[in-house]
């Protein structure tokens, strides 16, 4: 086995660990909202430092790998993509932390939150994220495309929530109650965007081409 092969295996493990941590933070942040669990929201915020440490470790590992092994062609695409995916995962963790922060600003006594749409949004986004990561590890072209084509659903959910919150604000003059839900919906949409970014990088590894959304959605 080449030394580079072992390094790439270790890199995949590191990305997998980072992905699990970021995904867990996201799921827990929405569970905290649904169950009005402020303790769980606090735990999500506390995990952010752990994810930051994983982020730094992967950046350093990739820098050393490039300097010492000089990867070429597909191997280089994997390393460069892993660096970007690491950044996307760190952003997912940051958005999960933001969701947890907003939960602390919701007045659950005055505002009876309907979380059905948020829950649907979360479920779809988790599937997108897991499928995107699977496409990276397995180099499965079709899975990457399915993720990118799923992004419109999450966008529509976000718009639906914003419209609902705007209606509540107009009827009850309650913007201070609805603003957190709007920002939470936006954070979920950003996480779905990061899943799409990961899927695009999977296509880059498989084909060597840089894809754009408008091209992929026509495939």
N, C-alpha and C. Protein backbone atom coordinates (compact mmCIF):
# COMPACT_ATOMS: atom_id res chain seq x y z
N UNK A 1 0.84 -1.20 0.00
CA UNK A 1 0.00 0.00 0.00
C UNK A 1 0.87 1.25 0.00
N UNK A 2 0.53 2.23 -0.86
CA UNK A 2 1.25 3.49 -0.85
C UNK A 2 1.01 4.23 0.46
N UNK A 3 2.00 4.99 0.88
CA UNK A 3 1.82 5.83 2.07
C UNK A 3 0.66 6.80 1.85
N UNK A 4 0.52 7.27 0.62
CA UNK A 4 -0.57 8.20 0.30
C UNK A 4 -1.93 7.54 0.51
N UNK A 5 -2.05 6.26 0.16
CA UNK A 5 -3.32 5.56 0.35
C UNK A 5 -3.72 5.54 1.82
N UNK A 6 -2.75 5.29 2.70
CA UNK A 6 -3.04 5.29 4.14
C UNK A 6 -3.41 6.69 4.61
N UNK A 7 -2.73 7.70 4.08
CA UNK A 7 -3.07 9.08 4.45
C UNK A 7 -4.49 9.43 4.01
N UNK A 8 -4.87 9.02 2.81
CA UNK A 8 -6.22 9.29 2.32
C UNK A 8 -7.27 8.55 3.15
N UNK A 9 -6.92 7.34 3.59
CA UNK A 9 -7.84 6.60 4.46
C UNK A 9 -8.04 7.36 5.77
N UNK A 10 -6.95 7.83 6.36
CA UNK A 10 -7.05 8.60 7.60
C UNK A 10 -7.85 9.89 7.39
N UNK A 11 -7.66 10.51 6.24
CA UNK A 11 -8.40 11.74 5.94
C UNK A 11 -9.90 11.47 5.88
N UNK A 12 -10.28 10.36 5.27
CA UNK A 12 -11.70 10.01 5.19
C UNK A 12 -12.28 9.78 6.59
N UNK A 13 -11.50 9.16 7.46
CA UNK A 13 -11.95 8.94 8.84
C UNK A 13 -12.16 10.27 9.54
N UNK A 14 -11.23 11.18 9.35
CA UNK A 14 -11.34 12.50 9.99
C UNK A 14 -12.56 13.26 9.48
N UNK A 15 -12.78 13.22 8.17
CA UNK A 15 -13.96 13.89 7.61
C UNK A 15 -15.24 13.24 8.14
N UNK A 16 -15.23 11.91 8.24
CA UNK A 16 -16.40 11.21 8.77
C UNK A 16 -16.70 11.63 10.20
N UNK A 17 -15.66 11.74 11.03
CA UNK A 17 -15.85 12.16 12.42
C UNK A 17 -16.39 13.59 12.49
N UNK A 18 -15.85 14.45 11.65
CA UNK A 18 -16.31 15.84 11.60
C UNK A 18 -17.77 15.89 11.15
N UNK A 19 -18.11 15.09 10.16
CA UNK A 19 -19.48 15.06 9.64
C UNK A 19 -20.46 14.57 10.69
N UNK A 20 -20.08 13.54 11.42
CA UNK A 20 -20.95 13.01 12.46
C UNK A 20 -21.20 14.05 13.54
N UNK A 21 -20.16 14.77 13.93
CA UNK A 21 -20.30 15.79 14.97
C UNK A 21 -21.19 16.94 14.51
N UNK A 22 -20.97 17.42 13.29
CA UNK A 22 -21.76 18.54 12.77
C UNK A 22 -23.22 18.13 12.58
N UNK A 23 -23.44 16.93 12.05
CA UNK A 23 -24.81 16.45 11.84
C UNK A 23 -25.53 16.28 13.16
N UNK A 24 -24.83 15.75 14.16
CA UNK A 24 -25.43 15.58 15.48
C UNK A 24 -25.84 16.92 16.09
N UNK A 25 -24.98 17.91 15.92
CA UNK A 25 -25.31 19.24 16.43
C UNK A 25 -26.58 19.78 15.76
N UNK A 26 -26.68 19.59 14.46
CA UNK A 26 -27.85 20.07 13.73
C UNK A 26 -29.12 19.37 14.20
N UNK A 27 -29.08 18.05 14.26
CA UNK A 27 -30.25 17.28 14.69
C UNK A 27 -30.66 17.68 16.10
N UNK A 28 -29.68 17.78 16.99
CA UNK A 28 -29.98 18.13 18.39
C UNK A 28 -30.54 19.54 18.50
N UNK A 29 -30.07 20.45 17.67
CA UNK A 29 -30.58 21.82 17.75
C UNK A 29 -32.06 21.88 17.40
N UNK A 30 -32.48 21.12 16.39
CA UNK A 30 -33.90 21.11 16.02
C UNK A 30 -34.72 20.32 17.05
N UNK A 31 -34.15 19.23 17.57
CA UNK A 31 -34.85 18.50 18.63
C UNK A 31 -35.05 19.39 19.85
N UNK A 32 -34.07 20.23 20.14
CA UNK A 32 -34.19 21.16 21.27
C UNK A 32 -35.35 22.13 21.04
N UNK A 33 -35.52 22.57 19.80
CA UNK A 33 -36.64 23.45 19.47
C UNK A 33 -37.97 22.73 19.61
N UNK A 34 -38.06 21.55 19.01
CA UNK A 34 -39.33 20.81 19.01
C UNK A 34 -39.77 20.47 20.43
N UNK A 35 -38.81 20.09 21.27
CA UNK A 35 -39.13 19.67 22.63
C UNK A 35 -38.95 20.77 23.67
N UNK A 36 -38.64 21.98 23.18
CA UNK A 36 -38.44 23.14 24.08
C UNK A 36 -37.41 22.82 25.16
N UNK A 37 -36.33 22.19 24.72
CA UNK A 37 -35.30 21.69 25.64
C UNK A 37 -34.10 22.64 25.63
N UNK A 38 -34.09 23.57 26.57
CA UNK A 38 -33.02 24.56 26.62
C UNK A 38 -31.70 23.94 27.04
N UNK A 39 -31.74 22.87 27.82
CA UNK A 39 -30.50 22.19 28.22
C UNK A 39 -29.82 21.56 27.00
N UNK A 40 -30.62 20.95 26.13
CA UNK A 40 -30.06 20.36 24.91
C UNK A 40 -29.50 21.45 23.99
N UNK A 41 -30.18 22.58 23.93
CA UNK A 41 -29.68 23.69 23.13
C UNK A 41 -28.32 24.16 23.65
N UNK A 42 -28.18 24.17 24.96
CA UNK A 42 -26.90 24.58 25.56
C UNK A 42 -25.80 23.58 25.21
N UNK A 43 -26.13 22.29 25.20
CA UNK A 43 -25.14 21.27 24.86
C UNK A 43 -24.66 21.43 23.42
N UNK A 44 -25.58 21.82 22.54
CA UNK A 44 -25.20 22.06 21.15
C UNK A 44 -24.17 23.17 21.08
N UNK A 45 -24.42 24.25 21.80
CA UNK A 45 -23.48 25.38 21.79
C UNK A 45 -22.12 24.98 22.34
N UNK A 46 -22.13 24.12 23.34
CA UNK A 46 -20.87 23.70 23.95
C UNK A 46 -20.04 22.80 23.03
N UNK A 47 -20.71 22.12 22.09
CA UNK A 47 -20.00 21.24 21.16
C UNK A 47 -19.25 21.99 20.07
N UNK A 48 -19.54 23.27 19.94
CA UNK A 48 -18.93 24.04 18.85
C UNK A 48 -17.41 24.08 18.96
N UNK A 49 -16.89 24.17 20.17
CA UNK A 49 -15.43 24.19 20.35
C UNK A 49 -14.80 22.87 19.90
N UNK A 50 -15.50 21.76 20.16
CA UNK A 50 -15.00 20.45 19.74
C UNK A 50 -14.91 20.36 18.22
N UNK A 51 -15.93 20.87 17.55
CA UNK A 51 -15.94 20.86 16.09
C UNK A 51 -14.85 21.78 15.53
N UNK A 52 -14.64 22.91 16.18
CA UNK A 52 -13.56 23.82 15.75
C UNK A 52 -12.20 23.12 15.82
N UNK A 53 -12.00 22.31 16.86
CA UNK A 53 -10.74 21.57 17.00
C UNK A 53 -10.58 20.54 15.89
N UNK A 54 -11.67 19.85 15.55
CA UNK A 54 -11.63 18.89 14.44
C UNK A 54 -11.34 19.61 13.12
N UNK A 55 -11.93 20.76 12.95
CA UNK A 55 -11.71 21.57 11.76
C UNK A 55 -10.23 21.92 11.60
N UNK A 56 -9.62 22.39 12.67
CA UNK A 56 -8.20 22.76 12.63
C UNK A 56 -7.31 21.54 12.35
N UNK A 57 -7.67 20.40 12.94
CA UNK A 57 -6.89 19.18 12.74
C UNK A 57 -6.90 18.75 11.28
N UNK A 58 -8.07 18.81 10.65
CA UNK A 58 -8.18 18.40 9.24
C UNK A 58 -7.41 19.36 8.34
N UNK A 59 -7.51 20.65 8.61
CA UNK A 59 -6.75 21.62 7.80
C UNK A 59 -5.25 21.33 7.87
N UNK A 60 -4.76 21.09 9.07
CA UNK A 60 -3.33 20.82 9.25
C UNK A 60 -2.94 19.50 8.58
N UNK A 61 -3.79 18.48 8.73
CA UNK A 61 -3.50 17.18 8.13
C UNK A 61 -3.40 17.30 6.60
N UNK A 62 -4.33 18.02 6.00
CA UNK A 62 -4.33 18.18 4.54
C UNK A 62 -3.11 18.97 4.07
N UNK A 63 -2.74 20.00 4.81
CA UNK A 63 -1.57 20.79 4.44
C UNK A 63 -0.31 19.93 4.46
N UNK A 64 -0.18 19.11 5.50
CA UNK A 64 0.99 18.22 5.60
C UNK A 64 0.97 17.16 4.50
N UNK A 65 -0.23 16.65 4.21
CA UNK A 65 -0.36 15.61 3.18
C UNK A 65 0.10 16.14 1.82
N UNK A 66 -0.34 17.34 1.49
CA UNK A 66 0.05 17.94 0.20
C UNK A 66 1.55 18.20 0.16
N UNK A 67 2.10 18.70 1.26
CA UNK A 67 3.53 19.03 1.30
C UNK A 67 4.42 17.80 1.23
N UNK A 68 4.00 16.71 1.88
CA UNK A 68 4.86 15.53 2.00
C UNK A 68 4.62 14.49 0.91
N UNK A 69 3.37 14.37 0.43
CA UNK A 69 3.04 13.28 -0.51
C UNK A 69 2.88 13.73 -1.95
N UNK A 70 2.70 15.01 -2.17
CA UNK A 70 2.52 15.52 -3.53
C UNK A 70 1.45 14.73 -4.30
N UNK A 71 0.22 14.69 -3.81
CA UNK A 71 -0.83 13.94 -4.52
C UNK A 71 -1.11 14.55 -5.89
N UNK A 72 -1.49 13.70 -6.86
CA UNK A 72 -1.76 14.14 -8.22
C UNK A 72 -3.14 13.66 -8.67
N UNK A 73 -3.65 14.29 -9.72
CA UNK A 73 -4.89 13.88 -10.37
C UNK A 73 -6.02 13.68 -9.36
N UNK A 74 -6.65 12.50 -9.37
CA UNK A 74 -7.81 12.27 -8.50
C UNK A 74 -7.43 12.37 -7.03
N UNK A 75 -6.24 11.90 -6.67
CA UNK A 75 -5.81 12.00 -5.27
C UNK A 75 -5.78 13.45 -4.81
N UNK A 76 -5.28 14.32 -5.65
CA UNK A 76 -5.24 15.75 -5.31
C UNK A 76 -6.64 16.32 -5.22
N UNK A 77 -7.53 15.90 -6.12
CA UNK A 77 -8.91 16.38 -6.07
C UNK A 77 -9.58 15.96 -4.77
N UNK A 78 -9.28 14.76 -4.30
CA UNK A 78 -9.84 14.29 -3.03
C UNK A 78 -9.38 15.17 -1.88
N UNK A 79 -8.09 15.47 -1.84
CA UNK A 79 -7.55 16.27 -0.74
C UNK A 79 -8.11 17.69 -0.77
N UNK A 80 -8.12 18.30 -1.95
CA UNK A 80 -8.65 19.66 -2.07
C UNK A 80 -10.14 19.70 -1.74
N UNK A 81 -10.87 18.68 -2.17
CA UNK A 81 -12.30 18.62 -1.86
C UNK A 81 -12.53 18.41 -0.37
N UNK A 82 -11.69 17.59 0.25
CA UNK A 82 -11.81 17.36 1.70
C UNK A 82 -11.61 18.65 2.47
N UNK A 83 -10.67 19.47 2.03
CA UNK A 83 -10.45 20.77 2.67
C UNK A 83 -11.71 21.63 2.60
N UNK A 84 -12.34 21.66 1.43
CA UNK A 84 -13.56 22.45 1.27
C UNK A 84 -14.72 21.85 2.07
N UNK A 85 -14.85 20.53 2.02
CA UNK A 85 -15.92 19.87 2.77
C UNK A 85 -15.77 20.14 4.25
N UNK A 86 -14.54 20.14 4.72
CA UNK A 86 -14.28 20.46 6.12
C UNK A 86 -14.83 21.85 6.46
N UNK A 87 -14.61 22.80 5.57
CA UNK A 87 -15.14 24.15 5.78
C UNK A 87 -16.66 24.15 5.78
N UNK A 88 -17.27 23.41 4.86
CA UNK A 88 -18.73 23.33 4.80
C UNK A 88 -19.30 22.72 6.09
N UNK A 89 -18.64 21.68 6.59
CA UNK A 89 -19.11 21.04 7.82
C UNK A 89 -18.98 21.97 9.01
N UNK A 90 -17.92 22.76 9.03
CA UNK A 90 -17.75 23.72 10.12
C UNK A 90 -18.86 24.78 10.08
N UNK A 91 -19.26 25.16 8.87
CA UNK A 91 -20.36 26.11 8.73
C UNK A 91 -21.68 25.50 9.20
N UNK A 92 -21.87 24.21 8.93
CA UNK A 92 -23.07 23.51 9.41
C UNK A 92 -23.12 23.56 10.93
N UNK A 93 -21.99 23.29 11.56
CA UNK A 93 -21.92 23.34 13.02
C UNK A 93 -22.21 24.75 13.52
N UNK A 94 -21.70 25.76 12.82
CA UNK A 94 -21.96 27.15 13.21
C UNK A 94 -23.44 27.48 13.10
N UNK A 95 -24.08 27.00 12.04
CA UNK A 95 -25.52 27.24 11.88
C UNK A 95 -26.33 26.52 12.94
N UNK A 96 -25.89 25.31 13.31
CA UNK A 96 -26.56 24.60 14.40
C UNK A 96 -26.44 25.38 15.71
N UNK A 97 -25.27 25.95 15.94
CA UNK A 97 -25.06 26.78 17.13
C UNK A 97 -25.96 28.01 17.09
N UNK A 98 -26.10 28.61 15.92
CA UNK A 98 -26.99 29.77 15.78
C UNK A 98 -28.44 29.39 16.08
N UNK A 99 -28.85 28.22 15.61
CA UNK A 99 -30.21 27.74 15.91
C UNK A 99 -30.39 27.61 17.42
N UNK A 100 -29.40 27.02 18.08
CA UNK A 100 -29.47 26.86 19.53
C UNK A 100 -29.55 28.21 20.23
N UNK A 101 -28.82 29.19 19.71
CA UNK A 101 -28.87 30.54 20.29
C UNK A 101 -30.27 31.14 20.14
N UNK A 102 -30.88 30.98 18.98
CA UNK A 102 -32.21 31.54 18.75
C UNK A 102 -33.28 30.87 19.60
N UNK A 103 -33.09 29.59 19.88
CA UNK A 103 -34.06 28.88 20.73
C UNK A 103 -34.18 29.56 22.08
N UNK A 104 -33.06 30.04 22.60
CA UNK A 104 -33.08 30.73 23.89
C UNK A 104 -33.82 32.05 23.87
N UNK A 105 -34.14 32.55 22.67
CA UNK A 105 -34.83 33.83 22.55
C UNK A 105 -36.32 33.67 22.25
N UNK A 106 -36.78 32.43 22.17
CA UNK A 106 -38.20 32.18 21.90
C UNK A 106 -38.99 32.18 23.20
N UNK A 107 -40.06 32.93 23.21
CA UNK A 107 -40.97 32.93 24.36
C UNK A 107 -41.99 31.82 24.14
N UNK A 108 -41.71 30.65 24.68
CA UNK A 108 -42.58 29.50 24.43
C UNK A 108 -43.93 29.62 25.15
N UNK A 109 -44.02 30.52 26.12
CA UNK A 109 -45.29 30.74 26.83
C UNK A 109 -46.25 31.55 25.96
N UNK A 110 -45.72 32.64 25.38
CA UNK A 110 -46.56 33.53 24.58
C UNK A 110 -46.76 33.01 23.16
N UNK A 111 -45.76 32.30 22.65
CA UNK A 111 -45.79 31.89 21.24
C UNK A 111 -45.86 30.38 21.14
N UNK A 112 -46.97 29.87 20.68
CA UNK A 112 -47.14 28.43 20.50
C UNK A 112 -46.57 28.04 19.13
N UNK A 113 -45.38 27.51 19.15
CA UNK A 113 -44.65 27.25 17.91
C UNK A 113 -45.15 25.98 17.23
N UNK A 114 -45.54 26.11 15.95
CA UNK A 114 -45.87 24.95 15.13
C UNK A 114 -44.58 24.52 14.43
N UNK A 115 -44.06 23.38 14.85
CA UNK A 115 -42.75 22.95 14.35
C UNK A 115 -42.83 21.89 13.25
N UNK A 116 -44.03 21.63 12.73
CA UNK A 116 -44.16 20.58 11.71
C UNK A 116 -43.33 20.88 10.46
N UNK A 117 -43.42 22.11 9.97
CA UNK A 117 -42.67 22.46 8.76
C UNK A 117 -41.17 22.46 9.03
N UNK A 118 -40.79 22.95 10.21
CA UNK A 118 -39.38 22.94 10.60
C UNK A 118 -38.87 21.50 10.67
N UNK A 119 -39.69 20.62 11.23
CA UNK A 119 -39.31 19.21 11.36
C UNK A 119 -39.13 18.57 9.97
N UNK A 120 -40.06 18.87 9.05
CA UNK A 120 -39.95 18.35 7.68
C UNK A 120 -38.68 18.86 7.01
N UNK A 121 -38.40 20.14 7.23
CA UNK A 121 -37.20 20.76 6.67
C UNK A 121 -35.95 20.08 7.19
N UNK A 122 -35.94 19.83 8.49
CA UNK A 122 -34.79 19.17 9.12
C UNK A 122 -34.60 17.78 8.57
N UNK A 123 -35.68 17.01 8.48
CA UNK A 123 -35.59 15.63 8.00
C UNK A 123 -35.01 15.58 6.58
N UNK A 124 -35.51 16.45 5.71
CA UNK A 124 -35.03 16.47 4.33
C UNK A 124 -33.57 16.89 4.27
N UNK A 125 -33.20 17.87 5.09
CA UNK A 125 -31.83 18.37 5.09
C UNK A 125 -30.85 17.32 5.60
N UNK A 126 -31.25 16.57 6.61
CA UNK A 126 -30.39 15.50 7.13
C UNK A 126 -30.17 14.44 6.06
N UNK A 127 -31.24 14.08 5.35
CA UNK A 127 -31.10 13.10 4.26
C UNK A 127 -30.15 13.64 3.19
N UNK A 128 -30.31 14.90 2.84
CA UNK A 128 -29.41 15.52 1.85
C UNK A 128 -27.96 15.46 2.31
N UNK A 129 -27.75 15.81 3.57
CA UNK A 129 -26.38 15.85 4.11
C UNK A 129 -25.77 14.46 4.13
N UNK A 130 -26.52 13.48 4.62
CA UNK A 130 -26.00 12.12 4.69
C UNK A 130 -25.74 11.55 3.29
N UNK A 131 -26.63 11.84 2.35
CA UNK A 131 -26.45 11.35 0.98
C UNK A 131 -25.27 12.02 0.31
N UNK A 132 -25.10 13.32 0.56
CA UNK A 132 -23.96 14.05 -0.02
C UNK A 132 -22.64 13.47 0.49
N UNK A 133 -22.58 13.21 1.78
CA UNK A 133 -21.36 12.64 2.36
C UNK A 133 -21.12 11.23 1.83
N UNK A 134 -22.20 10.46 1.68
CA UNK A 134 -22.07 9.11 1.12
C UNK A 134 -21.54 9.19 -0.31
N UNK A 135 -22.00 10.18 -1.06
CA UNK A 135 -21.53 10.33 -2.44
C UNK A 135 -20.04 10.67 -2.47
N UNK A 136 -19.58 11.41 -1.46
CA UNK A 136 -18.15 11.74 -1.37
C UNK A 136 -17.33 10.49 -1.08
N UNK A 137 -17.77 9.70 -0.10
CA UNK A 137 -17.01 8.52 0.28
C UNK A 137 -17.08 7.41 -0.77
N UNK A 138 -18.22 7.28 -1.43
CA UNK A 138 -18.41 6.18 -2.40
C UNK A 138 -18.18 6.60 -3.85
N UNK A 139 -18.02 7.91 -4.07
CA UNK A 139 -17.86 8.46 -5.42
C UNK A 139 -19.06 8.09 -6.30
N UNK A 140 -20.24 8.18 -5.70
CA UNK A 140 -21.48 7.82 -6.41
C UNK A 140 -22.07 9.07 -7.07
N UNK A 141 -21.93 9.14 -8.36
CA UNK A 141 -22.37 10.28 -9.17
C UNK A 141 -23.87 10.54 -9.00
N UNK A 142 -24.67 9.48 -9.03
CA UNK A 142 -26.13 9.63 -9.00
C UNK A 142 -26.62 10.19 -7.67
N UNK A 143 -25.98 9.79 -6.57
CA UNK A 143 -26.39 10.30 -5.26
C UNK A 143 -26.12 11.80 -5.15
N UNK A 144 -25.00 12.23 -5.69
CA UNK A 144 -24.66 13.65 -5.65
C UNK A 144 -25.71 14.47 -6.40
N UNK A 145 -26.13 13.98 -7.55
CA UNK A 145 -27.13 14.70 -8.34
C UNK A 145 -28.46 14.75 -7.60
N UNK A 146 -28.83 13.66 -6.94
CA UNK A 146 -30.11 13.63 -6.21
C UNK A 146 -30.13 14.66 -5.09
N UNK A 147 -28.99 14.88 -4.46
CA UNK A 147 -28.90 15.88 -3.39
C UNK A 147 -29.16 17.28 -3.96
N UNK A 148 -28.50 17.58 -5.04
CA UNK A 148 -28.62 18.92 -5.63
C UNK A 148 -30.05 19.18 -6.09
N UNK A 149 -30.70 18.16 -6.61
CA UNK A 149 -32.08 18.33 -7.08
C UNK A 149 -33.07 18.41 -5.92
N UNK A 150 -32.64 18.06 -4.70
CA UNK A 150 -33.51 18.12 -3.53
C UNK A 150 -33.53 19.50 -2.89
N UNK A 151 -32.59 20.35 -3.28
CA UNK A 151 -32.43 21.64 -2.60
C UNK A 151 -33.67 22.53 -2.74
N UNK A 152 -34.37 22.41 -3.86
CA UNK A 152 -35.56 23.25 -4.07
C UNK A 152 -36.62 22.99 -3.01
N UNK A 153 -36.74 21.74 -2.55
CA UNK A 153 -37.75 21.41 -1.54
C UNK A 153 -37.49 22.19 -0.26
N UNK A 154 -36.24 22.23 0.17
CA UNK A 154 -35.89 22.95 1.40
C UNK A 154 -36.13 24.45 1.22
N UNK A 155 -35.81 24.97 0.04
CA UNK A 155 -36.06 26.39 -0.24
C UNK A 155 -37.55 26.72 -0.11
N UNK A 156 -38.39 25.82 -0.61
CA UNK A 156 -39.84 26.04 -0.54
C UNK A 156 -40.34 25.98 0.90
N UNK A 157 -39.77 25.08 1.70
CA UNK A 157 -40.13 25.00 3.12
C UNK A 157 -39.77 26.29 3.83
N UNK A 158 -38.58 26.80 3.55
CA UNK A 158 -38.15 28.05 4.17
C UNK A 158 -39.11 29.18 3.83
N UNK A 159 -39.47 29.29 2.56
CA UNK A 159 -40.39 30.34 2.13
C UNK A 159 -41.74 30.19 2.80
N UNK A 160 -42.22 28.96 2.94
CA UNK A 160 -43.50 28.71 3.60
C UNK A 160 -43.47 29.17 5.05
N UNK A 161 -42.37 28.89 5.75
CA UNK A 161 -42.25 29.30 7.15
C UNK A 161 -42.19 30.82 7.26
N UNK A 162 -41.44 31.47 6.39
CA UNK A 162 -41.34 32.93 6.42
C UNK A 162 -42.71 33.56 6.19
N UNK A 163 -43.47 33.03 5.23
CA UNK A 163 -44.82 33.55 4.96
C UNK A 163 -45.73 33.35 6.17
N UNK A 164 -45.63 32.18 6.80
CA UNK A 164 -46.46 31.90 7.97
C UNK A 164 -46.12 32.86 9.11
N UNK A 165 -44.83 33.09 9.34
CA UNK A 165 -44.42 34.00 10.41
C UNK A 165 -44.83 35.44 10.11
N UNK A 166 -44.78 35.82 8.83
CA UNK A 166 -45.21 37.17 8.45
C UNK A 166 -46.70 37.36 8.71
N UNK A 167 -47.48 36.31 8.43
CA UNK A 167 -48.92 36.38 8.68
C UNK A 167 -49.20 36.51 10.17
N UNK A 168 -48.49 35.72 10.98
CA UNK A 168 -48.67 35.80 12.44
C UNK A 168 -48.30 37.19 12.94
N UNK A 169 -47.21 37.73 12.40
CA UNK A 169 -46.77 39.07 12.80
C UNK A 169 -47.83 40.11 12.48
N UNK A 170 -48.42 40.02 11.30
CA UNK A 170 -49.45 40.99 10.89
C UNK A 170 -50.71 40.87 11.73
N UNK A 171 -51.07 39.63 12.06
CA UNK A 171 -52.32 39.41 12.80
C UNK A 171 -52.17 39.73 14.28
N UNK A 172 -50.99 39.45 14.83
CA UNK A 172 -50.82 39.57 16.29
C UNK A 172 -49.84 40.68 16.69
N UNK A 173 -49.28 41.37 15.69
CA UNK A 173 -48.26 42.38 15.98
C UNK A 173 -47.19 41.79 16.89
N UNK A 174 -46.64 40.65 16.45
CA UNK A 174 -45.77 39.85 17.33
C UNK A 174 -44.45 39.52 16.67
N UNK A 175 -43.79 40.51 16.08
CA UNK A 175 -42.54 40.25 15.38
C UNK A 175 -41.46 39.72 16.31
N UNK A 176 -41.48 40.18 17.57
CA UNK A 176 -40.46 39.72 18.52
C UNK A 176 -40.59 38.22 18.78
N UNK A 177 -41.77 37.66 18.54
CA UNK A 177 -42.00 36.23 18.75
C UNK A 177 -41.64 35.42 17.51
N UNK A 178 -41.84 35.99 16.34
CA UNK A 178 -41.67 35.22 15.10
C UNK A 178 -40.26 35.32 14.49
N UNK A 179 -39.53 36.37 14.81
CA UNK A 179 -38.19 36.55 14.24
C UNK A 179 -37.28 35.34 14.47
N UNK A 180 -37.23 34.77 15.69
CA UNK A 180 -36.37 33.59 15.89
C UNK A 180 -36.69 32.45 14.93
N UNK A 181 -37.96 32.21 14.66
CA UNK A 181 -38.34 31.11 13.76
C UNK A 181 -37.88 31.38 12.33
N UNK A 182 -37.92 32.63 11.92
CA UNK A 182 -37.45 32.98 10.57
C UNK A 182 -35.96 32.72 10.45
N UNK A 183 -35.20 33.12 11.46
CA UNK A 183 -33.75 32.92 11.41
C UNK A 183 -33.38 31.43 11.52
N UNK A 184 -34.17 30.67 12.26
CA UNK A 184 -33.93 29.23 12.35
C UNK A 184 -34.17 28.57 10.99
N UNK A 185 -35.26 28.97 10.32
CA UNK A 185 -35.54 28.42 8.99
C UNK A 185 -34.42 28.77 8.01
N UNK A 186 -33.91 29.98 8.12
CA UNK A 186 -32.81 30.39 7.23
C UNK A 186 -31.55 29.58 7.52
N UNK A 187 -31.31 29.30 8.79
CA UNK A 187 -30.12 28.50 9.15
C UNK A 187 -30.22 27.09 8.58
N UNK A 188 -31.41 26.50 8.63
CA UNK A 188 -31.59 25.16 8.06
C UNK A 188 -31.36 25.20 6.55
N UNK A 189 -31.87 26.24 5.90
CA UNK A 189 -31.68 26.37 4.45
C UNK A 189 -30.20 26.49 4.11
N UNK A 190 -29.46 27.18 4.93
CA UNK A 190 -28.01 27.31 4.69
C UNK A 190 -27.32 25.95 4.85
N UNK A 191 -27.78 25.16 5.81
CA UNK A 191 -27.21 23.82 6.00
C UNK A 191 -27.49 22.95 4.77
N UNK A 192 -28.70 23.06 4.24
CA UNK A 192 -29.03 22.33 3.00
C UNK A 192 -28.13 22.79 1.85
N UNK A 193 -27.83 24.07 1.81
CA UNK A 193 -26.92 24.59 0.78
C UNK A 193 -25.53 23.97 0.92
N UNK A 194 -25.08 23.80 2.17
CA UNK A 194 -23.76 23.18 2.39
C UNK A 194 -23.78 21.72 1.93
N UNK A 195 -24.90 21.03 2.14
CA UNK A 195 -25.02 19.65 1.65
C UNK A 195 -24.90 19.63 0.12
N UNK A 196 -25.52 20.61 -0.52
CA UNK A 196 -25.43 20.73 -1.97
C UNK A 196 -24.00 20.99 -2.41
N UNK A 197 -23.30 21.84 -1.66
CA UNK A 197 -21.90 22.12 -1.98
C UNK A 197 -21.04 20.85 -1.90
N UNK A 198 -21.31 20.03 -0.89
CA UNK A 198 -20.57 18.77 -0.74
C UNK A 198 -20.85 17.85 -1.93
N UNK A 199 -22.12 17.80 -2.34
CA UNK A 199 -22.48 16.96 -3.49
C UNK A 199 -21.77 17.43 -4.76
N UNK A 200 -21.66 18.73 -4.94
CA UNK A 200 -20.97 19.25 -6.12
C UNK A 200 -19.49 18.86 -6.11
N UNK A 201 -18.89 18.85 -4.92
CA UNK A 201 -17.50 18.43 -4.83
C UNK A 201 -17.34 16.94 -5.13
N UNK A 202 -18.34 16.16 -4.77
CA UNK A 202 -18.30 14.73 -5.09
C UNK A 202 -18.29 14.53 -6.61
N UNK A 203 -19.05 15.35 -7.31
CA UNK A 203 -19.04 15.29 -8.77
C UNK A 203 -17.69 15.72 -9.32
N UNK A 204 -17.08 16.69 -8.68
CA UNK A 204 -15.76 17.15 -9.10
C UNK A 204 -14.73 16.02 -8.97
N UNK A 205 -14.79 15.29 -7.86
CA UNK A 205 -13.86 14.16 -7.67
C UNK A 205 -14.08 13.10 -8.74
N UNK A 206 -15.35 12.81 -9.02
CA UNK A 206 -15.67 11.73 -9.95
C UNK A 206 -15.32 12.07 -11.39
N UNK A 207 -15.45 13.35 -11.76
CA UNK A 207 -15.33 13.72 -13.17
C UNK A 207 -14.16 14.65 -13.48
N UNK A 208 -13.66 15.35 -12.46
CA UNK A 208 -12.62 16.33 -12.70
C UNK A 208 -13.17 17.65 -13.21
N UNK A 209 -14.50 17.75 -13.33
CA UNK A 209 -15.14 18.99 -13.78
C UNK A 209 -15.76 19.73 -12.61
N UNK A 210 -15.76 21.06 -12.70
CA UNK A 210 -16.43 21.88 -11.70
C UNK A 210 -17.84 22.15 -12.21
N UNK A 211 -18.83 21.69 -11.45
CA UNK A 211 -20.23 21.81 -11.86
C UNK A 211 -20.89 23.01 -11.20
N UNK A 212 -21.88 23.56 -11.88
CA UNK A 212 -22.70 24.62 -11.33
C UNK A 212 -24.13 24.11 -11.24
N UNK A 213 -24.91 24.72 -10.32
CA UNK A 213 -26.28 24.26 -10.09
C UNK A 213 -27.09 24.20 -11.38
N UNK A 214 -27.03 25.23 -12.19
CA UNK A 214 -27.90 25.28 -13.37
C UNK A 214 -27.57 24.17 -14.36
N UNK A 215 -26.33 23.69 -14.36
CA UNK A 215 -25.96 22.60 -15.26
C UNK A 215 -26.45 21.26 -14.70
N UNK A 216 -26.27 21.07 -13.41
CA UNK A 216 -26.61 19.78 -12.80
C UNK A 216 -28.11 19.54 -12.82
N UNK A 217 -28.90 20.58 -12.60
CA UNK A 217 -30.34 20.39 -12.50
C UNK A 217 -30.95 19.99 -13.84
N UNK A 218 -30.18 20.12 -14.91
CA UNK A 218 -30.65 19.68 -16.22
C UNK A 218 -30.26 18.24 -16.54
N UNK A 219 -29.48 17.60 -15.65
CA UNK A 219 -29.01 16.24 -15.93
C UNK A 219 -30.13 15.23 -15.70
